[in-house]
N, C-alpha and C. Protein backbone atom coordinates (compact mmCIF):
# COMPACT_ATOMS: atom_id res chain seq x y z
N MET A 1 -5.37 13.45 1.95
CA MET A 1 -6.33 12.29 1.99
C MET A 1 -5.21 11.51 2.50
N THR A 2 -5.34 10.16 3.53
CA THR A 2 -5.38 9.80 4.71
C THR A 2 -4.67 8.30 4.03
N SER A 3 -3.68 7.83 3.48
CA SER A 3 -3.24 6.43 3.37
C SER A 3 -4.45 5.31 3.75
N VAL A 4 -4.06 4.49 2.64
CA VAL A 4 -5.40 3.29 2.88
C VAL A 4 -4.62 2.03 3.59
N VAL A 5 -3.53 2.30 3.47
CA VAL A 5 -2.50 1.85 4.07
C VAL A 5 -2.60 1.77 6.04
N ASN A 6 -2.87 2.71 6.48
CA ASN A 6 -2.88 3.65 8.25
C ASN A 6 -4.18 3.00 8.56
N PHE A 7 -5.35 3.76 7.60
CA PHE A 7 -6.20 4.52 8.38
C PHE A 7 -7.36 4.35 7.08
N PRO A 8 -8.79 4.12 7.94
CA PRO A 8 -9.81 3.30 6.66
C PRO A 8 -10.08 4.80 6.07
N GLN A 9 -10.39 4.95 4.97
CA GLN A 9 -10.81 5.79 4.24
C GLN A 9 -12.21 5.94 2.78
N THR A 10 -12.96 6.35 2.35
CA THR A 10 -13.49 6.39 1.42
C THR A 10 -13.48 8.22 0.53
N ARG A 11 -13.97 7.38 -0.27
CA ARG A 11 -13.23 8.36 -2.03
C ARG A 11 -14.00 8.19 -2.76
N ARG A 12 -14.69 9.55 -2.83
CA ARG A 12 -16.38 9.76 -4.57
C ARG A 12 -17.29 7.98 -4.60
N GLY A 13 -17.20 7.52 -3.12
CA GLY A 13 -17.79 6.27 -3.17
C GLY A 13 -17.35 4.73 -3.01
N GLU A 14 -16.47 5.39 -3.28
CA GLU A 14 -15.44 3.55 -2.77
C GLU A 14 -15.58 2.42 -1.85
N ARG A 15 -15.22 1.63 -1.26
CA ARG A 15 -15.40 0.91 0.56
C ARG A 15 -14.80 1.22 0.86
N VAL A 16 -14.70 1.10 2.38
CA VAL A 16 -14.32 1.41 3.21
C VAL A 16 -12.54 -0.22 3.83
N ILE A 17 -11.28 0.43 3.34
CA ILE A 17 -11.20 -0.92 3.39
C ILE A 17 -9.77 -0.45 4.60
N ASP A 18 -9.75 -1.26 6.14
CA ASP A 18 -9.50 -1.06 7.55
C ASP A 18 -8.42 -2.18 7.44
N VAL A 19 -7.28 -2.50 7.23
CA VAL A 19 -6.67 -3.06 7.63
C VAL A 19 -5.79 -4.21 8.69
N GLU A 20 -6.29 -2.98 9.52
CA GLU A 20 -6.04 -3.12 11.38
C GLU A 20 -8.10 -3.25 12.05
N PRO A 21 -9.05 -4.10 11.71
CA PRO A 21 -9.84 -3.66 11.99
C PRO A 21 -10.01 -4.26 13.69
N GLY A 22 -10.72 -3.31 13.94
CA GLY A 22 -10.99 -3.79 15.94
C GLY A 22 -10.48 -3.31 16.87
N ILE A 23 -9.21 -2.22 16.20
CA ILE A 23 -8.91 -1.31 16.44
C ILE A 23 -9.04 0.26 16.27
N PRO A 24 -9.49 0.99 17.28
CA PRO A 24 -10.16 2.50 17.04
C PRO A 24 -9.03 3.09 16.06
N VAL A 25 -9.77 3.58 15.18
CA VAL A 25 -8.18 4.78 14.69
C VAL A 25 -7.85 5.69 15.86
N ALA A 26 -8.08 6.19 15.93
CA ALA A 26 -7.89 7.88 17.17
C ALA A 26 -6.15 6.56 18.02
N GLU A 27 -6.36 5.56 17.97
CA GLU A 27 -5.44 4.38 18.61
C GLU A 27 -4.29 3.76 17.92
N ARG A 28 -4.33 3.44 16.41
CA ARG A 28 -3.25 3.42 15.61
C ARG A 28 -2.19 4.52 15.58
N PRO A 29 -1.02 3.73 15.30
CA PRO A 29 0.52 4.36 15.59
C PRO A 29 0.28 4.74 13.98
N VAL A 30 0.70 5.71 14.11
CA VAL A 30 0.95 6.61 12.38
C VAL A 30 2.42 6.10 11.81
N ARG A 31 2.59 4.94 10.48
CA ARG A 31 3.36 4.09 9.69
C ARG A 31 3.32 5.11 8.25
N LEU A 32 5.16 5.12 8.80
CA LEU A 32 5.20 6.28 7.60
C LEU A 32 6.11 5.52 6.38
N LEU A 33 7.39 3.83 7.49
CA LEU A 33 7.23 3.30 6.43
C LEU A 33 6.93 1.44 6.59
N TYR A 34 7.36 0.44 5.84
CA TYR A 34 7.27 -0.85 6.04
C TYR A 34 7.80 -1.50 5.85
N SER A 35 7.97 -2.68 6.20
CA SER A 35 9.59 -3.65 5.32
C SER A 35 9.20 -4.11 4.49
N VAL A 36 9.67 -4.54 3.25
CA VAL A 36 9.39 -5.32 2.50
C VAL A 36 8.21 -6.78 2.24
N ILE A 37 8.43 -7.45 3.29
CA ILE A 37 7.45 -8.00 4.07
C ILE A 37 5.77 -7.69 4.50
N GLU A 38 6.65 -6.97 5.35
CA GLU A 38 4.51 -6.07 5.49
C GLU A 38 3.84 -5.75 4.56
N ALA A 39 4.80 -4.85 2.88
CA ALA A 39 4.73 -4.58 1.98
C ALA A 39 3.70 -5.68 0.85
N GLY A 40 3.99 -6.81 1.32
CA GLY A 40 4.03 -7.27 0.51
C GLY A 40 2.31 -8.57 1.41
N GLU A 41 2.43 -8.61 2.10
CA GLU A 41 1.41 -8.75 3.16
C GLU A 41 -0.40 -7.87 3.32
N LEU A 42 0.11 -6.77 3.08
CA LEU A 42 -0.50 -5.54 3.31
C LEU A 42 -1.77 -5.51 1.26
N LEU A 43 -0.45 -5.90 0.56
CA LEU A 43 -0.87 -5.63 -0.67
C LEU A 43 -1.79 -7.82 -1.18
N SER A 44 -1.40 -8.33 -0.21
CA SER A 44 -1.72 -9.93 -0.35
C SER A 44 -1.24 -10.08 -1.69
N VAL A 45 0.29 -10.57 -1.25
CA VAL A 45 1.75 -10.79 -1.90
C VAL A 45 2.64 -11.38 -1.31
N SER A 46 3.51 -11.83 -1.94
CA SER A 46 4.81 -11.97 -1.83
C SER A 46 5.82 -11.59 -1.32
N LYS A 47 7.05 -11.46 -0.61
CA LYS A 47 8.13 -10.56 -0.69
C LYS A 47 8.91 -10.63 -1.95
N GLN A 48 8.53 -11.99 -2.55
CA GLN A 48 8.87 -11.87 -3.55
C GLN A 48 8.45 -10.72 -4.65
N THR A 49 7.62 -11.11 -4.62
CA THR A 49 6.42 -9.85 -5.66
C THR A 49 6.92 -8.49 -6.27
N ILE A 50 6.87 -8.50 -4.38
CA ILE A 50 7.25 -6.86 -3.90
C ILE A 50 8.69 -6.74 -4.41
N TYR A 51 9.88 -7.10 -4.24
CA TYR A 51 10.84 -6.58 -4.93
C TYR A 51 11.00 -7.11 -6.41
N ASN A 52 9.83 -7.45 -7.35
CA ASN A 52 9.84 -8.07 -8.48
C ASN A 52 9.10 -6.11 -8.78
N LEU A 53 8.43 -5.25 -8.30
CA LEU A 53 7.93 -4.77 -8.24
C LEU A 53 8.82 -3.16 -8.20
N ILE A 54 10.00 -3.36 -6.74
CA ILE A 54 10.86 -2.66 -6.56
C ILE A 54 11.61 -2.83 -8.07
N ASP A 55 12.18 -3.71 -8.31
CA ASP A 55 13.38 -3.67 -10.21
C ASP A 55 12.55 -2.97 -10.80
N GLN A 56 11.27 -3.27 -11.13
CA GLN A 56 10.65 -3.06 -12.02
C GLN A 56 10.04 -1.10 -11.96
N GLY A 57 10.98 -1.25 -11.02
CA GLY A 57 10.43 0.51 -11.93
C GLY A 57 8.76 1.21 -10.47
N ASP A 58 7.98 -0.05 -10.36
CA ASP A 58 6.17 0.53 -10.42
C ASP A 58 6.35 0.02 -8.25
N LEU A 59 7.48 0.23 -7.72
CA LEU A 59 6.95 0.50 -6.02
C LEU A 59 8.79 0.93 -5.71
N PRO A 60 8.43 2.51 -5.25
CA PRO A 60 9.76 3.12 -4.91
C PRO A 60 10.43 2.21 -3.83
N LYS A 61 11.77 2.64 -3.25
CA LYS A 61 12.37 1.77 -2.48
C LYS A 61 12.69 3.23 -1.36
N VAL A 62 12.29 2.66 -0.19
CA VAL A 62 13.69 3.43 1.30
C VAL A 62 14.77 2.90 1.45
N MET A 63 15.64 3.71 0.80
CA MET A 63 17.45 2.88 1.14
C MET A 63 17.50 3.41 2.92
N ILE A 64 17.43 2.24 3.95
CA ILE A 64 17.30 2.97 5.34
C ILE A 64 18.94 2.72 6.30
N GLY A 65 19.83 3.79 6.80
CA GLY A 65 21.00 2.45 7.66
C GLY A 65 22.02 2.85 7.00
N ARG A 66 23.69 3.44 7.14
CA ARG A 66 24.89 4.03 6.93
C ARG A 66 24.73 3.31 5.93
N THR A 67 24.53 1.80 4.86
CA THR A 67 25.16 1.03 4.42
C THR A 67 24.39 1.01 2.96
N GLY A 68 22.65 1.74 3.50
CA GLY A 68 21.71 1.59 2.76
C GLY A 68 20.85 0.54 2.52
N LYS A 69 21.03 -0.94 3.12
CA LYS A 69 21.23 -2.19 3.04
C LYS A 69 19.19 -2.48 3.64
N THR A 70 19.15 -1.40 3.76
CA THR A 70 18.18 -1.84 4.68
C THR A 70 16.94 -1.46 4.11
N ILE A 71 16.07 -2.33 3.35
CA ILE A 71 14.92 -1.06 2.28
C ILE A 71 13.64 -1.13 3.71
N ARG A 72 13.00 -0.46 3.10
CA ARG A 72 11.23 0.21 3.66
C ARG A 72 10.42 1.39 2.53
N ILE A 73 9.32 0.76 2.16
CA ILE A 73 8.23 1.04 1.14
C ILE A 73 7.53 2.50 1.94
N ALA A 74 7.26 3.35 1.64
CA ALA A 74 6.78 4.16 1.84
C ALA A 74 5.01 4.32 2.14
N ALA A 75 4.69 4.76 3.15
CA ALA A 75 3.01 4.27 2.85
C ALA A 75 2.24 5.22 1.54
N SER A 76 3.09 6.27 1.21
CA SER A 76 2.72 7.13 0.90
C SER A 76 2.56 6.35 -1.15
N ASP A 77 3.57 5.45 -0.66
CA ASP A 77 4.10 4.97 -1.99
C ASP A 77 2.80 3.15 -2.43
N LEU A 78 2.58 2.57 -0.93
CA LEU A 78 1.78 1.98 -0.98
C LEU A 78 0.57 2.60 -1.73
N GLN A 79 -0.34 3.31 -1.17
CA GLN A 79 -0.73 4.09 -1.43
C GLN A 79 -1.49 4.87 -3.60
N ALA A 80 0.31 4.86 -3.49
CA ALA A 80 0.11 5.64 -4.83
C ALA A 80 0.19 4.02 -5.82
N TYR A 81 0.30 3.65 -5.58
CA TYR A 81 0.73 2.14 -6.45
C TYR A 81 -0.81 0.90 -6.41
N ILE A 82 -1.15 1.39 -5.24
CA ILE A 82 -2.69 0.97 -5.30
C ILE A 82 -3.78 1.90 -5.85
N ASP A 83 -3.99 3.14 -6.16
CA ASP A 83 -4.21 4.21 -6.60
C ASP A 83 -4.43 3.31 -8.04
N ASN A 84 -3.22 3.95 -8.41
CA ASN A 84 -2.91 3.25 -10.32
C ASN A 84 -2.69 1.61 -10.49
N GLN A 85 -2.98 0.71 -9.97
CA GLN A 85 -3.65 -0.50 -10.37
C GLN A 85 -5.44 -1.00 -10.88
N ARG A 86 -6.10 0.80 -9.99
CA ARG A 86 -7.31 0.68 -9.36
C ARG A 86 -8.09 0.06 -11.89
N VAL A 87 -8.58 -0.66 -11.70
CA VAL A 87 -9.05 -0.64 -13.43
C VAL A 87 -11.19 -0.54 -13.32
N GLU A 88 -10.94 0.38 -14.10
CA GLU A 88 -13.12 0.65 -13.68
C GLU A 88 -12.99 -0.40 -14.97
N VAL A 89 -14.72 -1.20 -14.61
CA VAL A 89 -15.36 -2.37 -15.48
C VAL A 89 -16.29 -2.11 -16.26
N GLN A 90 -16.07 -2.28 -17.56
CA GLN A 90 -17.70 -2.19 -17.96
C GLN A 90 -18.86 -3.19 -17.92
N PRO A 91 -20.32 -3.07 -17.59
CA PRO A 91 -20.59 -4.45 -17.42
C PRO A 91 -20.53 -5.13 -19.11
N ALA A 92 -21.02 -6.07 -19.78
CA ALA A 92 -20.88 -7.10 -20.60
C ALA A 92 -21.75 -5.93 -21.16
N TRP A 93 -23.06 -6.22 -20.58
CA TRP A 93 -24.31 -5.65 -21.50
C TRP A 93 -24.39 -3.99 -21.13
N ALA A 94 -23.34 -3.37 -21.23
CA ALA A 94 -22.74 -1.69 -21.51
C ALA A 94 -22.12 -1.78 -22.65
N LEU A 95 -21.74 -2.64 -23.31
CA LEU A 95 -21.21 -2.44 -24.71
C LEU A 95 -21.40 -2.38 -25.88
């Protein structure tokens, strides 16, 4: 399954999420890694929240470079985090 971070998708009737509207899917580059700031923008949270998620072990990081000081977040890990945060809500009348 294609990552929602890169391309729109539907799964079992869910709505389509398109993070790059107006750009045809076929013309989009495939991104495997995102910076902390980009990951925050994709999740609509601050970069500090991304660092907190990394520190808590909720979001894996990829260390880049000889010294390992450059942090990147894999698109697949962002997708997994999003999928793990989904909550099914029962309507009040169904209780």
